[in-house]
Amino acid sequence: MKPFLREKIPAKLSEIPEYTAYEAGYLVTGNAGWRNIRPVINKEKCVGCLQCYLHCPDGVIFKKDGKVDIDYDFCKGCGICKRICKPGAIEMEAEK
């Protein structure tokens, strides 16, 4: 029998992780130029919920002026932030 997902949800809000695995700026080498799409944030739609920040595997999303921003030097263009963004504030565009 498979366990219910509810069993994995923390009982208290204080048990939810406050930070990603590594703080922004942990990566030391820039993107090698292989990314062909990149996330772009619509600042008008962004509500500052930081779900994209929590799910970013590389820690390249940070908060600036109450909204999120992306460090494109280290972003791989995986699109996880777009998929997790409920307000639809993140779109993927072709790399220029």
PDB file of N, CA and C in Angstrom:
ATOM      1  N   MET A   1       0.844  -1.188   0.000  1.00  0.00           N
ATOM      2  CA  MET A   1       0.000   0.000   0.000  1.00  0.00           C
ATOM      3  C   MET A   1       0.884   1.245   0.000  1.00  0.00           C
ATOM      4  N   LYS A   2       0.580   2.190  -0.856  1.00  0.00           N
ATOM      5  CA  LYS A   2       1.343   3.430  -0.939  1.00  0.00           C
ATOM      6  C   LYS A   2       0.949   4.367   0.195  1.00  0.00           C
ATOM      7  N   PRO A   3       1.915   5.087   0.782  1.00  0.00           N
ATOM      8  CA  PRO A   3       1.579   6.044   1.838  1.00  0.00           C
ATOM      9  C   PRO A   3       0.854   7.253   1.239  1.00  0.00           C
ATOM     10  N   PHE A   4       0.018   7.854   2.030  1.00  0.00           N
ATOM     11  CA  PHE A   4      -0.684   9.060   1.600  1.00  0.00           C
ATOM     12  C   PHE A   4       0.271  10.234   1.617  1.00  0.00           C
ATOM     13  N   LEU A   5       0.114  11.124   0.668  1.00  0.00           N
ATOM     14  CA  LEU A   5       0.955  12.311   0.596  1.00  0.00           C
ATOM     15  C   LEU A   5       0.784  13.171   1.848  1.00  0.00           C
ATOM     16  N   ARG A   6      -0.403  13.167   2.421  1.00  0.00           N
ATOM     17  CA  ARG A   6      -0.667  13.972   3.615  1.00  0.00           C
ATOM     18  C   ARG A   6       0.268  13.622   4.765  1.00  0.00           C
ATOM     19  N   GLU A   7       0.755  12.405   4.796  1.00  0.00           N
ATOM     20  CA  GLU A   7       1.662  11.996   5.860  1.00  0.00           C
ATOM     21  C   GLU A   7       3.007  12.704   5.757  1.00  0.00           C
ATOM     22  N   LYS A   8       3.349  13.204   4.580  1.00  0.00           N
ATOM     23  CA  LYS A   8       4.633  13.865   4.351  1.00  0.00           C
ATOM     24  C   LYS A   8       4.578  15.373   4.610  1.00  0.00           C
ATOM     25  N   ILE A   9       3.394  15.941   4.707  1.00  0.00           N
ATOM     26  CA  ILE A   9       3.261  17.375   4.922  1.00  0.00           C
ATOM     27  C   ILE A   9       3.554  17.699   6.384  1.00  0.00           C
ATOM     28  N   PRO A  10       4.418  18.694   6.650  1.00  0.00           N
ATOM     29  CA  PRO A  10       4.727  19.054   8.035  1.00  0.00           C
ATOM     30  C   PRO A  10       3.466  19.457   8.809  1.00  0.00           C
ATOM     31  N   ALA A  11       3.428  19.077  10.059  1.00  0.00           N
ATOM     32  CA  ALA A  11       2.265  19.377  10.887  1.00  0.00           C
ATOM     33  C   ALA A  11       2.153  20.865  11.198  1.00  0.00           C
ATOM     34  N   LYS A  12       3.280  21.546  11.298  1.00  0.00           N
ATOM     35  CA  LYS A  12       3.282  22.965  11.652  1.00  0.00           C
ATOM     36  C   LYS A  12       3.956  23.771  10.551  1.00  0.00           C
ATOM     37  N   LEU A  13       3.531  24.994  10.414  1.00  0.00           N
ATOM     38  CA  LEU A  13       4.131  25.876   9.422  1.00  0.00           C
ATOM     39  C   LEU A  13       5.608  26.105   9.712  1.00  0.00           C
ATOM     40  N   SER A  14       6.002  26.043  10.984  1.00  0.00           N
ATOM     41  CA  SER A  14       7.394  26.264  11.366  1.00  0.00           C
ATOM     42  C   SER A  14       8.313  25.146  10.872  1.00  0.00           C
ATOM     43  N   GLU A  15       7.740  24.008  10.449  1.00  0.00           N
ATOM     44  CA  GLU A  15       8.542  22.891   9.978  1.00  0.00           C
ATOM     45  C   GLU A  15       8.834  22.959   8.481  1.00  0.00           C
ATOM     46  N   ILE A  16       8.235  23.919   7.773  1.00  0.00           N
ATOM     47  CA  ILE A  16       8.487  24.078   6.343  1.00  0.00           C
ATOM     48  C   ILE A  16       9.857  24.726   6.180  1.00  0.00           C
ATOM     49  N   PRO A  17      10.684  24.241   5.256  1.00  0.00           N
ATOM     50  CA  PRO A  17      12.030  24.804   5.095  1.00  0.00           C
ATOM     51  C   PRO A  17      11.991  26.290   4.771  1.00  0.00           C
ATOM     52  N   GLU A  18      12.886  27.029   5.369  1.00  0.00           N
ATOM     53  CA  GLU A  18      12.947  28.469   5.167  1.00  0.00           C
ATOM     54  C   GLU A  18      13.843  28.829   3.994  1.00  0.00           C
ATOM     55  N   TYR A  19      14.803  27.985   3.675  1.00  0.00           N
ATOM     56  CA  TYR A  19      15.771  28.288   2.633  1.00  0.00           C
ATOM     57  C   TYR A  19      15.910  27.119   1.664  1.00  0.00           C
ATOM     58  N   THR A  20      16.502  27.382   0.505  1.00  0.00           N
ATOM     59  CA  THR A  20      16.806  26.317  -0.436  1.00  0.00           C
ATOM     60  C   THR A  20      18.045  25.578   0.058  1.00  0.00           C
ATOM     61  N   ALA A  21      18.490  24.581  -0.698  1.00  0.00           N
ATOM     62  CA  ALA A  21      19.637  23.786  -0.280  1.00  0.00           C
ATOM     63  C   ALA A  21      20.894  24.641  -0.132  1.00  0.00           C
ATOM     64  N   TYR A  22      21.088  25.587  -1.030  1.00  0.00           N
ATOM     65  CA  TYR A  22      22.250  26.469  -0.979  1.00  0.00           C
ATOM     66  C   TYR A  22      21.781  27.900  -1.187  1.00  0.00           C
ATOM     67  N   GLU A  23      22.428  28.827  -0.534  1.00  0.00           N
ATOM     68  CA  GLU A  23      22.072  30.228  -0.724  1.00  0.00           C
ATOM     69  C   GLU A  23      22.493  30.676  -2.122  1.00  0.00           C
ATOM     70  N   ALA A  24      21.833  31.708  -2.629  1.00  0.00           N
ATOM     71  CA  ALA A  24      22.163  32.235  -3.946  1.00  0.00           C
ATOM     72  C   ALA A  24      23.629  32.647  -3.970  1.00  0.00           C
ATOM     73  N   GLY A  25      24.279  32.401  -5.076  1.00  0.00           N
ATOM     74  CA  GLY A  25      25.686  32.749  -5.191  1.00  0.00           C
ATOM     75  C   GLY A  25      26.619  31.612  -4.826  1.00  0.00           C
ATOM     76  N   TYR A  26      26.085  30.436  -4.508  1.00  0.00           N
ATOM     77  CA  TYR A  26      26.917  29.301  -4.137  1.00  0.00           C
ATOM     78  C   TYR A  26      27.696  28.767  -5.343  1.00  0.00           C
ATOM     79  N   LEU A  27      27.052  28.780  -6.510  1.00  0.00           N
ATOM     80  CA  LEU A  27      27.734  28.288  -7.711  1.00  0.00           C
ATOM     81  C   LEU A  27      28.900  29.210  -8.051  1.00  0.00           C
ATOM     82  N   VAL A  28      29.974  28.630  -8.533  1.00  0.00           N
ATOM     83  CA  VAL A  28      31.170  29.434  -8.789  1.00  0.00           C
ATOM     84  C   VAL A  28      31.514  29.574 -10.261  1.00  0.00           C
ATOM     85  N   THR A  29      30.902  28.769 -11.123  1.00  0.00           N
ATOM     86  CA  THR A  29      31.160  28.906 -12.555  1.00  0.00           C
ATOM     87  C   THR A  29      29.884  29.337 -13.254  1.00  0.00           C
ATOM     88  N   GLY A  30      29.990  30.275 -14.160  1.00  0.00           N
ATOM     89  CA  GLY A  30      28.831  30.787 -14.876  1.00  0.00           C
ATOM     90  C   GLY A  30      28.300  29.787 -15.880  1.00  0.00           C
ATOM     91  N   ASN A  31      27.126  30.076 -16.407  1.00  0.00           N
ATOM     92  CA  ASN A  31      26.505  29.260 -17.427  1.00  0.00           C
ATOM     93  C   ASN A  31      27.441  29.195 -18.626  1.00  0.00           C
ATOM     94  N   ALA A  32      27.653  28.016 -19.146  1.00  0.00           N
ATOM     95  CA  ALA A  32      28.602  27.821 -20.248  1.00  0.00           C
ATOM     96  C   ALA A  32      28.031  28.217 -21.607  1.00  0.00           C
ATOM     97  N   GLY A  33      26.815  28.764 -21.646  1.00  0.00           N
ATOM     98  CA  GLY A  33      26.234  29.191 -22.905  1.00  0.00           C
ATOM     99  C   GLY A  33      25.397  28.138 -23.591  1.00  0.00           C
ATOM    100  N   TRP A  34      25.098  27.029 -22.927  1.00  0.00           N
ATOM    101  CA  TRP A  34      24.313  25.977 -23.551  1.00  0.00           C
ATOM    102  C   TRP A  34      22.814  26.147 -23.338  1.00  0.00           C
ATOM    103  N   ARG A  35      22.392  27.073 -22.483  1.00  0.00           N
ATOM    104  CA  ARG A  35      20.962  27.286 -22.221  1.00  0.00           C
ATOM    105  C   ARG A  35      20.311  27.866 -23.476  1.00  0.00           C
ATOM    106  N   ASN A  36      19.171  27.307 -23.914  1.00  0.00           N
ATOM    107  CA  ASN A  36      18.498  27.850 -25.087  1.00  0.00           C
ATOM    108  C   ASN A  36      17.183  28.543 -24.761  1.00  0.00           C
ATOM    109  N   ILE A  37      16.656  28.342 -23.548  1.00  0.00           N
ATOM    110  CA  ILE A  37      15.504  29.108 -23.074  1.00  0.00           C
ATOM    111  C   ILE A  37      15.804  29.590 -21.665  1.00  0.00           C
ATOM    112  N   ARG A  38      15.149  30.690 -21.291  1.00  0.00           N
ATOM    113  CA  ARG A  38      15.377  31.230 -19.952  1.00  0.00           C
ATOM    114  C   ARG A  38      14.072  31.762 -19.373  1.00  0.00           C
ATOM    115  N   PRO A  39      13.937  31.739 -18.060  1.00  0.00           N
ATOM    116  CA  PRO A  39      12.724  32.260 -17.434  1.00  0.00           C
ATOM    117  C   PRO A  39      12.757  33.787 -17.377  1.00  0.00           C
ATOM    118  N   VAL A  40      11.602  34.388 -17.590  1.00  0.00           N
ATOM    119  CA  VAL A  40      11.456  35.837 -17.492  1.00  0.00           C
ATOM    120  C   VAL A  40      10.279  36.103 -16.559  1.00  0.00           C
ATOM    121  N   ILE A  41      10.487  36.981 -15.584  1.00  0.00           N
ATOM    122  CA  ILE A  41       9.471  37.252 -14.576  1.00  0.00           C
ATOM    123  C   ILE A  41       8.679  38.499 -14.937  1.00  0.00           C
ATOM    124  N   ASN A  42       7.357  38.368 -14.934  1.00  0.00           N
ATOM    125  CA  ASN A  42       6.465  39.505 -15.117  1.00  0.00           C
ATOM    126  C   ASN A  42       6.254  40.107 -13.726  1.00  0.00           C
ATOM    127  N   LYS A  43       6.881  41.233 -13.463  1.00  0.00           N
ATOM    128  CA  LYS A  43       6.851  41.855 -12.126  1.00  0.00           C
ATOM    129  C   LYS A  43       5.438  42.259 -11.710  1.00  0.00           C
ATOM    130  N   GLU A  44       4.560  42.514 -12.672  1.00  0.00           N
ATOM    131  CA  GLU A  44       3.181  42.899 -12.360  1.00  0.00           C
ATOM    132  C   GLU A  44       2.383  41.714 -11.810  1.00  0.00           C
ATOM    133  N   LYS A  45       2.649  40.523 -12.318  1.00  0.00           N
ATOM    134  CA  LYS A  45       1.931  39.330 -11.874  1.00  0.00           C
ATOM    135  C   LYS A  45       2.533  38.694 -10.626  1.00  0.00           C
ATOM    136  N   CYS A  46       3.815  38.952 -10.372  1.00  0.00           N
ATOM    137  CA  CYS A  46       4.508  38.323  -9.245  1.00  0.00           C
ATOM    138  C   CYS A  46       3.922  38.796  -7.922  1.00  0.00           C
ATOM    139  N   VAL A  47       3.545  37.842  -7.075  1.00  0.00           N
ATOM    140  CA  VAL A  47       2.985  38.168  -5.763  1.00  0.00           C
ATOM    141  C   VAL A  47       4.012  38.015  -4.650  1.00  0.00           C
ATOM    142  N   GLY A  48       5.229  37.589  -5.004  1.00  0.00           N
ATOM    143  CA  GLY A  48       6.295  37.450  -4.006  1.00  0.00           C
ATOM    144  C   GLY A  48       6.123  36.266  -3.088  1.00  0.00           C
ATOM    145  N   CYS A  49       5.469  35.196  -3.543  1.00  0.00           N
ATOM    146  CA  CYS A  49       5.230  34.022  -2.695  1.00  0.00           C
ATOM    147  C   CYS A  49       6.496  33.180  -2.490  1.00  0.00           C
ATOM    148  N   LEU A  50       7.489  33.355  -3.356  1.00  0.00           N
ATOM    149  CA  LEU A  50       8.794  32.686  -3.286  1.00  0.00           C
ATOM    150  C   LEU A  50       8.751  31.176  -3.487  1.00  0.00           C
ATOM    151  N   GLN A  51       7.690  30.649  -4.084  1.00  0.00           N
ATOM    152  CA  GLN A  51       7.652  29.221  -4.386  1.00  0.00           C
ATOM    153  C   GLN A  51       8.721  28.867  -5.417  1.00  0.00           C
ATOM    154  N   CYS A  52       8.950  29.764  -6.381  1.00  0.00           N
ATOM    155  CA  CYS A  52      10.000  29.526  -7.380  1.00  0.00           C
ATOM    156  C   CYS A  52      11.370  29.475  -6.705  1.00  0.00           C
ATOM    157  N   TYR A  53      11.576  30.333  -5.724  1.00  0.00           N
ATOM    158  CA  TYR A  53      12.825  30.360  -4.957  1.00  0.00           C
ATOM    159  C   TYR A  53      13.043  29.039  -4.223  1.00  0.00           C
ATOM    160  N   LEU A  54      11.993  28.535  -3.606  1.00  0.00           N
ATOM    161  CA  LEU A  54      12.104  27.296  -2.839  1.00  0.00           C
ATOM    162  C   LEU A  54      12.357  26.077  -3.724  1.00  0.00           C
ATOM    163  N   HIS A  55      11.869  26.104  -4.959  1.00  0.00           N
ATOM    164  CA  HIS A  55      11.988  24.940  -5.838  1.00  0.00           C
ATOM    165  C   HIS A  55      13.156  25.016  -6.819  1.00  0.00           C
ATOM    166  N   CYS A  56      13.814  26.152  -6.920  1.00  0.00           N
ATOM    167  CA  CYS A  56      14.922  26.292  -7.864  1.00  0.00           C
ATOM    168  C   CYS A  56      16.076  25.380  -7.443  1.00  0.00           C
ATOM    169  N   PRO A  57      16.486  24.427  -8.300  1.00  0.00           N
ATOM    170  CA  PRO A  57      17.538  23.491  -7.910  1.00  0.00           C
ATOM    171  C   PRO A  57      18.922  24.136  -7.808  1.00  0.00           C
ATOM    172  N   ASP A  58      19.105  25.305  -8.413  1.00  0.00           N
ATOM    173  CA  ASP A  58      20.418  25.950  -8.397  1.00  0.00           C
ATOM    174  C   ASP A  58      20.485  27.168  -7.488  1.00  0.00           C
ATOM    175  N   GLY A  59      19.390  27.553  -6.877  1.00  0.00           N
ATOM    176  CA  GLY A  59      19.386  28.698  -5.967  1.00  0.00           C
ATOM    177  C   GLY A  59      19.701  30.013  -6.661  1.00  0.00           C
ATOM    178  N   VAL A  60      19.221  30.198  -7.890  1.00  0.00           N
ATOM    179  CA  VAL A  60      19.539  31.418  -8.636  1.00  0.00           C
ATOM    180  C   VAL A  60      18.448  32.475  -8.531  1.00  0.00           C
ATOM    181  N   ILE A  61      17.385  32.187  -7.805  1.00  0.00           N
ATOM    182  CA  ILE A  61      16.288  33.137  -7.639  1.00  0.00           C
ATOM    183  C   ILE A  61      16.443  33.818  -6.293  1.00  0.00           C
ATOM    184  N   PHE A  62      16.261  35.131  -6.290  1.00  0.00           N
ATOM    185  CA  PHE A  62      16.395  35.898  -5.054  1.00  0.00           C
ATOM    186  C   PHE A  62      15.326  36.983  -5.007  1.00  0.00           C
ATOM    187  N   LYS A  63      15.092  37.500  -3.819  1.00  0.00           N
ATOM    188  CA  LYS A  63      14.074  38.529  -3.618  1.00  0.00           C
ATOM    189  C   LYS A  63      14.707  39.909  -3.711  1.00  0.00           C
ATOM    190  N   LYS A  64      14.037  40.789  -4.466  1.00  0.00           N
ATOM    191  CA  LYS A  64      14.523  42.153  -4.651  1.00  0.00           C
ATOM    192  C   LYS A  64      13.311  43.072  -4.726  1.00  0.00           C
ATOM    193  N   ASP A  65      13.209  44.026  -3.816  1.00  0.00           N
ATOM    194  CA  ASP A  65      12.086  44.973  -3.777  1.00  0.00           C
ATOM    195  C   ASP A  65      10.730  44.270  -3.671  1.00  0.00           C
ATOM    196  N   GLY A  66      10.658  43.199  -2.886  1.00  0.00           N
ATOM    197  CA  GLY A  66       9.399  42.496  -2.661  1.00  0.00           C
ATOM    198  C   GLY A  66       9.005  41.534  -3.771  1.00  0.00           C
ATOM    199  N   LYS A  67       9.771  41.475  -4.833  1.00  0.00           N
ATOM    200  CA  LYS A  67       9.508  40.563  -5.953  1.00  0.00           C
ATOM    201  C   LYS A  67      10.733  39.685  -6.153  1.00  0.00           C
ATOM    202  N   VAL A  68      10.622  38.712  -7.035  1.00  0.00           N
ATOM    203  CA  VAL A  68      11.759  37.836  -7.280  1.00  0.00           C
ATOM    204  C   VAL A  68      12.519  38.256  -8.529  1.00  0.00           C
ATOM    205  N   ASP A  69      13.781  37.899  -8.570  1.00  0.00           N
ATOM    206  CA  ASP A  69      14.638  38.163  -9.710  1.00  0.00           C
ATOM    207  C   ASP A  69      15.514  36.935  -9.917  1.00  0.00           C
ATOM    208  N   ILE A  70      16.164  36.844 -11.071  1.00  0.00           N
ATOM    209  CA  ILE A  70      16.939  35.660 -11.429  1.00  0.00           C
ATOM    210  C   ILE A  70      18.364  36.054 -11.779  1.00  0.00           C
ATOM    211  N   ASP A  71      19.321  35.283 -11.276  1.00  0.00           N
ATOM    212  CA  ASP A  71      20.719  35.465 -11.640  1.00  0.00           C
ATOM    213  C   ASP A  71      20.977  34.604 -12.877  1.00  0.00           C
ATOM    214  N   TYR A  72      20.916  35.230 -14.046  1.00  0.00           N
ATOM    215  CA  TYR A  72      21.037  34.494 -15.309  1.00  0.00           C
ATOM    216  C   TYR A  72      22.436  33.930 -15.547  1.00  0.00           C
ATOM    217  N   ASP A  73      23.426  34.395 -14.812  1.00  0.00           N
ATOM    218  CA  ASP A  73      24.771  33.839 -14.965  1.00  0.00           C
ATOM    219  C   ASP A  73      24.814  32.365 -14.586  1.00  0.00           C
ATOM    220  N   PHE A  74      23.908  31.940 -13.710  1.00  0.00           N
ATOM    221  CA  PHE A  74      23.933  30.568 -13.219  1.00  0.00           C
ATOM    222  C   PHE A  74      22.663  29.781 -13.511  1.00  0.00           C
ATOM    223  N   CYS A  75      21.654  30.410 -14.098  1.00  0.00           N
ATOM    224  CA  CYS A  75      20.393  29.737 -14.423  1.00  0.00           C
ATOM    225  C   CYS A  75      20.608  28.758 -15.574  1.00  0.00           C
ATOM    226  N   LYS A  76      20.103  27.534 -15.416  1.00  0.00           N
ATOM    227  CA  LYS A  76      20.237  26.507 -16.444  1.00  0.00           C
ATOM    228  C   LYS A  76      19.065  26.492 -17.414  1.00  0.00           C
ATOM    229  N   GLY A  77      17.978  27.192 -17.067  1.00  0.00           N
ATOM    230  CA  GLY A  77      16.805  27.220 -17.939  1.00  0.00           C
ATOM    231  C   GLY A  77      15.964  25.960 -17.854  1.00  0.00           C
ATOM    232  N   CYS A  78      15.932  25.326 -16.696  1.00  0.00           N
ATOM    233  CA  CYS A  78      15.215  24.060 -16.542  1.00  0.00           C
ATOM    234  C   CYS A  78      13.693  24.243 -16.575  1.00  0.00           C
ATOM    235  N   GLY A  79      13.185  25.419 -16.188  1.00  0.00           N
ATOM    236  CA  GLY A  79      11.756  25.695 -16.238  1.00  0.00           C
ATOM    237  C   GLY A  79      10.962  25.268 -15.025  1.00  0.00           C
ATOM    238  N   ILE A  80      11.628  24.788 -13.990  1.00  0.00           N
ATOM    239  CA  ILE A  80      10.910  24.383 -12.779  1.00  0.00           C
ATOM    240  C   ILE A  80      10.187  25.577 -12.171  1.00  0.00           C
ATOM    241  N   CYS A  81      10.809  26.734 -12.185  1.00  0.00           N
ATOM    242  CA  CYS A  81      10.191  27.936 -11.625  1.00  0.00           C
ATOM    243  C   CYS A  81       8.886  28.269 -12.345  1.00  0.00           C
ATOM    244  N   LYS A  82       8.859  28.122 -13.657  1.00  0.00           N
ATOM    245  CA  LYS A  82       7.641  28.401 -14.433  1.00  0.00           C
ATOM    246  C   LYS A  82       6.539  27.424 -14.061  1.00  0.00           C
ATOM    247  N   ARG A  83       6.882  26.154 -13.932  1.00  0.00           N
ATOM    248  CA  ARG A  83       5.880  25.139 -13.620  1.00  0.00           C
ATOM    249  C   ARG A  83       5.301  25.320 -12.220  1.00  0.00           C
ATOM    250  N   ILE A  84       6.088  25.828 -11.286  1.00  0.00           N
ATOM    251  CA  ILE A  84       5.627  25.958  -9.903  1.00  0.00           C
ATOM    252  C   ILE A  84       4.893  27.276  -9.656  1.00  0.00           C
ATOM    253  N   CYS A  85       5.033  28.249 -10.541  1.00  0.00           N
ATOM    254  CA  CYS A  85       4.457  29.588 -10.339  1.00  0.00           C
ATOM    255  C   CYS A  85       2.952  29.581 -10.583  1.00  0.00           C
ATOM    256  N   LYS A  86       2.174  29.616  -9.502  1.00  0.00           N
ATOM    257  CA  LYS A  86       0.713  29.591  -9.614  1.00  0.00           C
ATOM    258  C   LYS A  86       0.129  30.870 -10.226  1.00  0.00           C
ATOM    259  N   PRO A  87       0.654  32.067  -9.922  1.00  0.00           N
ATOM    260  CA  PRO A  87       0.103  33.276 -10.561  1.00  0.00           C
ATOM    261  C   PRO A  87       0.462  33.402 -12.044  1.00  0.00           C
ATOM    262  N   GLY A  88       1.332  32.544 -12.553  1.00  0.00           N
ATOM    263  CA  GLY A  88       1.727  32.606 -13.957  1.00  0.00           C
ATOM    264  C   GLY A  88       2.631  33.789 -14.271  1.00  0.00           C
ATOM    265  N   ALA A  89       3.439  34.179 -13.304  1.00  0.00           N
ATOM    266  CA  ALA A  89       4.316  35.346 -13.466  1.00  0.00           C
ATOM    267  C   ALA A  89       5.611  35.014 -14.194  1.00  0.00           C
ATOM    268  N   ILE A  90       5.889  33.742 -14.423  1.00  0.00           N
ATOM    269  CA  ILE A  90       7.141  33.351 -15.071  1.00  0.00           C
ATOM    270  C   ILE A  90       6.837  32.682 -16.410  1.00  0.00           C
ATOM    271  N   GLU A  91       7.466  33.174 -17.440  1.00  0.00           N
ATOM    272  CA  GLU A  91       7.361  32.595 -18.785  1.00  0.00           C
ATOM    273  C   GLU A  91       8.757  32.251 -19.267  1.00  0.00           C
ATOM    274  N   MET A  92       8.836  31.250 -20.106  1.00  0.00           N
ATOM    275  CA  MET A  92      10.122  30.863 -20.700  1.00  0.00           C
ATOM    276  C   MET A  92      10.211  31.495 -22.084  1.00  0.00           C
ATOM    277  N   GLU A  93      11.362  32.114 -22.365  1.00  0.00           N
ATOM    278  CA  GLU A  93      11.560  32.711 -23.683  1.00  0.00           C
ATOM    279  C   GLU A  93      12.863  32.204 -24.277  1.00  0.00           C
ATOM    280  N   ALA A  94      12.949  32.287 -25.576  1.00  0.00           N
ATOM    281  CA  ALA A  94      14.169  31.841 -26.264  1.00  0.00           C
ATOM    282  C   ALA A  94      15.335  32.729 -25.865  1.00  0.00           C
ATOM    283  N   GLU A  95      16.476  32.102 -25.693  1.00  0.00           N
ATOM    284  CA  GLU A  95      17.702  32.832 -25.354  1.00  0.00           C
ATOM    285  C   GLU A  95      18.106  33.708 -26.542  1.00  0.00           C
ATOM    286  N   LYS A  96      18.504  34.909 -26.258  1.00  0.00           N
ATOM    287  CA  LYS A  96      18.894  35.844 -27.318  1.00  0.00           C
ATOM    288  C   LYS A  96      20.383  35.908 -27.474  1.00  0.00           C
TER     289      LYS A  96
END
